[in-house]
C-alpha atoms as a PDB file:
ATOM      1  CA  UNK A   1     -16.958 -13.796 -23.991  1.00  0.00           C
ATOM      2  CA  UNK A   2     -14.727 -10.707 -23.797  1.00  0.00           C
ATOM      3  CA  UNK A   3     -17.495  -8.777 -22.038  1.00  0.00           C
ATOM      4  CA  UNK A   4     -17.802 -11.475 -19.357  1.00  0.00           C
ATOM      5  CA  UNK A   5     -14.037 -11.565 -18.844  1.00  0.00           C
ATOM      6  CA  UNK A   6     -13.860  -7.787 -18.486  1.00  0.00           C
ATOM      7  CA  UNK A   7     -16.770  -7.849 -16.026  1.00  0.00           C
ATOM      8  CA  UNK A   8     -15.004 -10.567 -14.049  1.00  0.00           C
ATOM      9  CA  UNK A   9     -11.847  -8.460 -13.941  1.00  0.00           C
ATOM     10  CA  UNK A  10     -13.767  -5.292 -13.013  1.00  0.00           C
ATOM     11  CA  UNK A  11     -15.582  -7.225 -10.320  1.00  0.00           C
ATOM     12  CA  UNK A  12     -12.283  -8.210  -8.711  1.00  0.00           C
ATOM     13  CA  UNK A  13     -10.976  -4.652  -8.980  1.00  0.00           C
ATOM     14  CA  UNK A  14     -13.919  -2.914  -7.313  1.00  0.00           C
ATOM     15  CA  UNK A  15     -16.602  -5.189  -5.887  1.00  0.00           C
ATOM     16  CA  UNK A  16     -14.695  -8.306  -4.803  1.00  0.00           C
ATOM     17  CA  UNK A  17     -11.576  -6.398  -3.802  1.00  0.00           C
ATOM     18  CA  UNK A  18      -9.352  -8.785  -1.865  1.00  0.00           C
ATOM     19  CA  UNK A  19      -8.193  -6.152   0.623  1.00  0.00           C
ATOM     20  CA  UNK A  20     -11.477  -4.428   1.436  1.00  0.00           C
ATOM     21  CA  UNK A  21     -14.151  -7.046   0.715  1.00  0.00           C
ATOM     22  CA  UNK A  22     -12.390 -10.309   1.544  1.00  0.00           C
ATOM     23  CA  UNK A  23      -9.927  -8.732   4.036  1.00  0.00           C
ATOM     24  CA  UNK A  24      -7.014 -10.666   2.552  1.00  0.00           C
ATOM     25  CA  UNK A  25      -3.672  -8.900   2.478  1.00  0.00           C
ATOM     26  CA  UNK A  26      -5.032  -5.992   4.475  1.00  0.00           C
ATOM     27  CA  UNK A  27      -1.881  -5.456   6.588  1.00  0.00           C
ATOM     28  CA  UNK A  28       0.216  -3.683   3.925  1.00  0.00           C
ATOM     29  CA  UNK A  29      -2.858  -1.687   2.906  1.00  0.00           C
ATOM     30  CA  UNK A  30      -3.416  -0.458   6.449  1.00  0.00           C
ATOM     31  CA  UNK A  31       0.306   0.167   6.852  1.00  0.00           C
ATOM     32  CA  UNK A  32       0.640   2.387   3.791  1.00  0.00           C
ATOM     33  CA  UNK A  33       1.068   5.740   5.495  1.00  0.00           C
ATOM     34  CA  UNK A  34       1.570   8.651   3.138  1.00  0.00           C
ATOM     35  CA  UNK A  35       4.070   7.444   0.562  1.00  0.00           C
ATOM     36  CA  UNK A  36       2.225   7.025  -2.726  1.00  0.00           C
ATOM     37  CA  UNK A  37       5.293   5.703  -4.551  1.00  0.00           C
ATOM     38  CA  UNK A  38       5.975   3.001  -1.964  1.00  0.00           C
ATOM     39  CA  UNK A  39       2.305   2.051  -1.860  1.00  0.00           C
ATOM     40  CA  UNK A  40       2.207   1.828  -5.654  1.00  0.00           C
ATOM     41  CA  UNK A  41       5.425  -0.239  -5.767  1.00  0.00           C
ATOM     42  CA  UNK A  42       4.152  -2.659  -3.140  1.00  0.00           C
ATOM     43  CA  UNK A  43       0.779  -2.942  -4.868  1.00  0.00           C
ATOM     44  CA  UNK A  44       2.428  -3.450  -8.250  1.00  0.00           C
ATOM     45  CA  UNK A  45       4.717  -6.189  -6.935  1.00  0.00           C
ATOM     46  CA  UNK A  46       1.774  -7.962  -5.290  1.00  0.00           C
ATOM     47  CA  UNK A  47      -0.212  -7.615  -8.532  1.00  0.00           C
ATOM     48  CA  UNK A  48       2.630  -9.145 -10.569  1.00  0.00           C
ATOM     49  CA  UNK A  49       2.969 -12.011  -8.109  1.00  0.00           C
ATOM     50  CA  UNK A  50      -0.814 -12.530  -8.177  1.00  0.00           C
ATOM     51  CA  UNK A  51      -0.846 -12.706 -11.961  1.00  0.00           C
ATOM     52  CA  UNK A  52       2.083 -15.119 -12.198  1.00  0.00           C
ATOM     53  CA  UNK A  53       0.726 -17.249  -9.359  1.00  0.00           C
ATOM     54  CA  UNK A  54      -2.698 -17.374 -11.005  1.00  0.00           C
ATOM     55  CA  UNK A  55      -1.136 -18.499 -14.278  1.00  0.00           C
ATOM     56  CA  UNK A  56       0.985 -21.217 -12.633  1.00  0.00           C
ATOM     57  CA  UNK A  57      -1.577 -22.388 -10.050  1.00  0.00           C
ATOM     58  CA  UNK A  58      -4.344 -23.165 -12.533  1.00  0.00           C
ATOM     59  CA  UNK A  59      -2.632 -26.041 -14.389  1.00  0.00           C
ATOM     60  CA  UNK A  60      -1.099 -27.400 -11.183  1.00  0.00           C
ATOM     61  CA  UNK A  61      -4.510 -27.425  -9.526  1.00  0.00           C
ATOM     62  CA  UNK A  62      -5.895 -29.412 -12.457  1.00  0.00           C
ATOM     63  CA  UNK A  63      -3.039 -31.916 -12.194  1.00  0.00           C
ATOM     64  CA  UNK A  64      -3.613 -32.290  -8.458  1.00  0.00           C
ATOM     65  CA  UNK A  65      -7.370 -32.730  -8.922  1.00  0.00           C
ATOM     66  CA  UNK A  66      -6.916 -35.278 -11.711  1.00  0.00           C
ATOM     67  CA  UNK A  67      -4.600 -37.387  -9.536  1.00  0.00           C
ATOM     68  CA  UNK A  68      -6.758 -37.211  -6.410  1.00  0.00           C
ATOM     69  CA  UNK A  69      -4.316 -34.929  -4.597  1.00  0.00           C
ATOM     70  CA  UNK A  70      -6.583 -31.907  -4.184  1.00  0.00           C
ATOM     71  CA  UNK A  71      -5.882 -31.949  -0.450  1.00  0.00           C
ATOM     72  CA  UNK A  72      -2.324 -30.798  -1.214  1.00  0.00           C
ATOM     73  CA  UNK A  73      -3.397 -27.651  -3.080  1.00  0.00           C
ATOM     74  CA  UNK A  74      -2.784 -25.308  -0.112  1.00  0.00           C
ATOM     75  CA  UNK A  75       0.764 -26.603   0.344  1.00  0.00           C
ATOM     76  CA  UNK A  76       1.458 -26.428  -3.399  1.00  0.00           C
ATOM     77  CA  UNK A  77       0.034 -22.901  -3.684  1.00  0.00           C
ATOM     78  CA  UNK A  78       2.184 -21.674  -0.778  1.00  0.00           C
ATOM     79  CA  UNK A  79       5.250 -23.116  -2.523  1.00  0.00           C
ATOM     80  CA  UNK A  80       4.251 -21.452  -5.787  1.00  0.00           C
ATOM     81  CA  UNK A  81       3.911 -18.061  -4.093  1.00  0.00           C
ATOM     82  CA  UNK A  82       7.283 -18.366  -2.365  1.00  0.00           C
ATOM     83  CA  UNK A  83       9.034 -19.498  -5.542  1.00  0.00           C
ATOM     84  CA  UNK A  84       7.454 -16.724  -7.637  1.00  0.00           C
ATOM     85  CA  UNK A  85       8.486 -14.044  -5.121  1.00  0.00           C
ATOM     86  CA  UNK A  86      12.002 -15.481  -4.869  1.00  0.00           C
ATOM     87  CA  UNK A  87      12.426 -15.557  -8.665  1.00  0.00           C
ATOM     88  CA  UNK A  88      10.987 -12.032  -8.947  1.00  0.00           C
ATOM     89  CA  UNK A  89      13.511 -10.874  -6.347  1.00  0.00           C
ATOM     90  CA  UNK A  90      16.324 -12.485  -8.342  1.00  0.00           C
ATOM     91  CA  UNK A  91      15.156 -10.780 -11.534  1.00  0.00           C
ATOM     92  CA  UNK A  92      14.978  -7.396  -9.823  1.00  0.00           C
ATOM     93  CA  UNK A  93      18.450  -7.922  -8.327  1.00  0.00           C
ATOM     94  CA  UNK A  94      19.878  -8.807 -11.731  1.00  0.00           C
ATOM     95  CA  UNK A  95      18.272  -5.933 -13.612  1.00  0.00           C
ATOM     96  CA  UNK A  96      18.183  -3.080 -11.083  1.00  0.00           C
ATOM     97  CA  UNK A  97      21.001  -4.097  -8.722  1.00  0.00           C
ATOM     98  CA  UNK A  98      18.464  -3.773  -5.891  1.00  0.00           C
ATOM     99  CA  UNK A  99      16.553  -6.298  -3.859  1.00  0.00           C
ATOM    100  CA  UNK A 100      12.957  -6.355  -2.753  1.00  0.00           C
ATOM    101  CA  UNK A 101      14.437  -6.114   0.730  1.00  0.00           C
ATOM    102  CA  UNK A 102      11.704  -5.301   3.217  1.00  0.00           C
ATOM    103  CA  UNK A 103       9.035  -5.882   0.577  1.00  0.00           C
ATOM    104  CA  UNK A 104      10.021  -9.555   0.177  1.00  0.00           C
ATOM    105  CA  UNK A 105       8.131 -10.833   3.260  1.00  0.00           C
ATOM    106  CA  UNK A 106       5.280  -8.364   2.680  1.00  0.00           C
ATOM    107  CA  UNK A 107       4.709  -9.841  -0.769  1.00  0.00           C
ATOM    108  CA  UNK A 108       5.595 -13.482  -0.024  1.00  0.00           C
ATOM    109  CA  UNK A 109       3.392 -13.659   3.058  1.00  0.00           C
ATOM    110  CA  UNK A 110       0.517 -11.692   1.600  1.00  0.00           C
ATOM    111  CA  UNK A 111      -2.753 -13.506   2.141  1.00  0.00           C
ATOM    112  CA  UNK A 112      -4.270 -11.951  -0.986  1.00  0.00           C
ATOM    113  CA  UNK A 113      -1.902 -13.880  -3.264  1.00  0.00           C
ATOM    114  CA  UNK A 114      -2.655 -17.231  -1.662  1.00  0.00           C
ATOM    115  CA  UNK A 115      -6.334 -16.313  -1.422  1.00  0.00           C
ATOM    116  CA  UNK A 116      -6.427 -15.665  -5.160  1.00  0.00           C
ATOM    117  CA  UNK A 117      -5.030 -19.112  -5.974  1.00  0.00           C
ATOM    118  CA  UNK A 118      -7.491 -20.787  -3.614  1.00  0.00           C
ATOM    119  CA  UNK A 119     -10.388 -18.670  -4.888  1.00  0.00           C
ATOM    120  CA  UNK A 120      -9.632 -19.535  -8.516  1.00  0.00           C
ATOM    121  CA  UNK A 121      -9.424 -23.231  -7.642  1.00  0.00           C
ATOM    122  CA  UNK A 122     -12.706 -23.161  -5.708  1.00  0.00           C
ATOM    123  CA  UNK A 123     -14.534 -21.181  -8.401  1.00  0.00           C
ATOM    124  CA  UNK A 124     -13.588 -23.660 -11.124  1.00  0.00           C
ATOM    125  CA  UNK A 125     -12.523 -20.991 -13.581  1.00  0.00           C
ATOM    126  CA  UNK A 126     -11.154 -21.788 -17.011  1.00  0.00           C
ATOM    127  CA  UNK A 127      -7.553 -20.768 -17.632  1.00  0.00           C
ATOM    128  CA  UNK A 128      -8.535 -17.484 -19.299  1.00  0.00           C
ATOM    129  CA  UNK A 129     -10.991 -16.673 -16.520  1.00  0.00           C
ATOM    130  CA  UNK A 130      -8.318 -17.441 -13.916  1.00  0.00           C
ATOM    131  CA  UNK A 131      -5.890 -15.072 -15.655  1.00  0.00           C
ATOM    132  CA  UNK A 132      -8.469 -12.271 -15.818  1.00  0.00           C
ATOM    133  CA  UNK A 133      -9.415 -12.881 -12.182  1.00  0.00           C
ATOM    134  CA  UNK A 134      -5.739 -12.696 -11.196  1.00  0.00           C
ATOM    135  CA  UNK A 135      -5.262  -9.510 -13.203  1.00  0.00           C
ATOM    136  CA  UNK A 136      -8.375  -7.960 -11.674  1.00  0.00           C
ATOM    137  CA  UNK A 137      -7.407  -8.968  -8.149  1.00  0.00           C
ATOM    138  CA  UNK A 138      -3.911  -7.547  -8.661  1.00  0.00           C
ATOM    139  CA  UNK A 139      -5.217  -4.269 -10.022  1.00  0.00           C
ATOM    140  CA  UNK A 140      -7.726  -4.172  -7.179  1.00  0.00           C
ATOM    141  CA  UNK A 141      -4.886  -4.550  -4.703  1.00  0.00           C
ATOM    142  CA  UNK A 142      -3.003  -1.671  -6.354  1.00  0.00           C
ATOM    143  CA  UNK A 143      -6.197   0.386  -6.143  1.00  0.00           C
ATOM    144  CA  UNK A 144      -6.563  -0.488  -2.455  1.00  0.00           C
ATOM    145  CA  UNK A 145      -2.945   0.462  -1.714  1.00  0.00           C
ATOM    146  CA  UNK A 146      -3.213   3.811  -3.500  1.00  0.00           C
ATOM    147  CA  UNK A 147      -6.667   4.590  -2.158  1.00  0.00           C
ATOM    148  CA  UNK A 148      -5.715   3.881   1.409  1.00  0.00           C
ATOM    149  CA  UNK A 149      -2.386   5.718   1.121  1.00  0.00           C
ATOM    150  CA  UNK A 150      -4.464   8.761   0.182  1.00  0.00           C
ATOM    151  CA  UNK A 151      -6.832   8.171   3.085  1.00  0.00           C
ATOM    152  CA  UNK A 152      -3.890   7.797   5.479  1.00  0.00           C
ATOM    153  CA  UNK A 153      -2.303  11.016   4.240  1.00  0.00           C
ATOM    154  CA  UNK A 154      -5.601  12.842   4.826  1.00  0.00           C
ATOM    155  CA  UNK A 155      -5.830  11.385   8.327  1.00  0.00           C
ATOM    156  CA  UNK A 156      -2.291  12.617   9.032  1.00  0.00           C
ATOM    157  CA  UNK A 157      -3.304  16.157   8.055  1.00  0.00           C
ATOM    158  CA  UNK A 158      -6.427  16.316  10.230  1.00  0.00           C
ATOM    159  CA  UNK A 159      -6.922  16.528  13.948  1.00  0.00           C
ATOM    160  CA  UNK A 160      -7.851  13.160  15.412  1.00  0.00           C
ATOM    161  CA  UNK A 161      -9.004  12.909  19.051  1.00  0.00           C
ATOM    162  CA  UNK A 162      -6.538  11.079  21.293  1.00  0.00           C
ATOM    163  CA  UNK A 163      -8.806   8.070  21.773  1.00  0.00           C
ATOM    164  CA  UNK A 164      -8.961   7.477  18.004  1.00  0.00           C
ATOM    165  CA  UNK A 165      -5.304   8.042  17.043  1.00  0.00           C
ATOM    166  CA  UNK A 166      -3.398   5.201  15.490  1.00  0.00           C
ATOM    167  CA  UNK A 167      -5.120   1.884  14.927  1.00  0.00           C
ATOM    168  CA  UNK A 168      -8.721   2.917  15.789  1.00  0.00           C
ATOM    169  CA  UNK A 169      -8.938   5.651  13.143  1.00  0.00           C
ATOM    170  CA  UNK A 170      -7.166   3.418  10.636  1.00  0.00           C
ATOM    171  CA  UNK A 171      -9.634   0.576  11.128  1.00  0.00           C
ATOM    172  CA  UNK A 172     -12.559   3.006  11.046  1.00  0.00           C
ATOM    173  CA  UNK A 173     -11.317   4.501   7.769  1.00  0.00           C
ATOM    174  CA  UNK A 174     -10.826   1.015   6.293  1.00  0.00           C
ATOM    175  CA  UNK A 175     -14.379   0.087   7.297  1.00  0.00           C
ATOM    176  CA  UNK A 176     -15.773   3.185   5.605  1.00  0.00           C
ATOM    177  CA  UNK A 177     -13.821   2.518   2.402  1.00  0.00           C
ATOM    178  CA  UNK A 178     -14.896  -1.125   2.514  1.00  0.00           C
ATOM    179  CA  UNK A 179     -18.555  -0.158   2.873  1.00  0.00           C
ATOM    180  CA  UNK A 180     -18.232   2.238  -0.055  1.00  0.00           C
ATOM    181  CA  UNK A 181     -16.820  -0.507  -2.291  1.00  0.00           C
ATOM    182  CA  UNK A 182     -19.324  -3.134  -1.152  1.00  0.00           C
ATOM    183  CA  UNK A 183     -22.093  -0.719  -2.119  1.00  0.00           C
ATOM    184  CA  UNK A 184     -21.305  -1.595  -5.759  1.00  0.00           C
ATOM    185  CA  UNK A 185     -22.655  -5.150  -5.250  1.00  0.00           C
END
């Protein structure tokens, strides 16, 4: 049982990475230039929101399914994500006297968080499996943020032909990283 849960979590970290394999939440990953601390903070906040959303979404999905309201799961999951991010922002404001600020929309509108809730609902995971999947997906997002921040910093140091500067080299680098991670399947 523990082995299967750890494999599920590891699968979401490396193989089924939401950013590189499912292309969910890829915008902040591609936008992480060369600031490792900011990339880590953003990834950590998304991971926390993913974990909390996964924990809350599982029982609500079961209630919706039991009452024949499964068609409302997308709406309910979006509300859960927004509420979790808002409460997290309030907690950070109260404890650190700082706000999520610019990170608030990046986290609240991140497709990876909503994708996790929908993926867990579609896969029919048990509660423990849903928690491990959420933890793995969150850690995978942190890995993607840090990995691509390193790639972006290397790109900034190297000469890039004019035709490839900016978005083309970024997308090409993301494709190469994605292919490397998909090779683990």
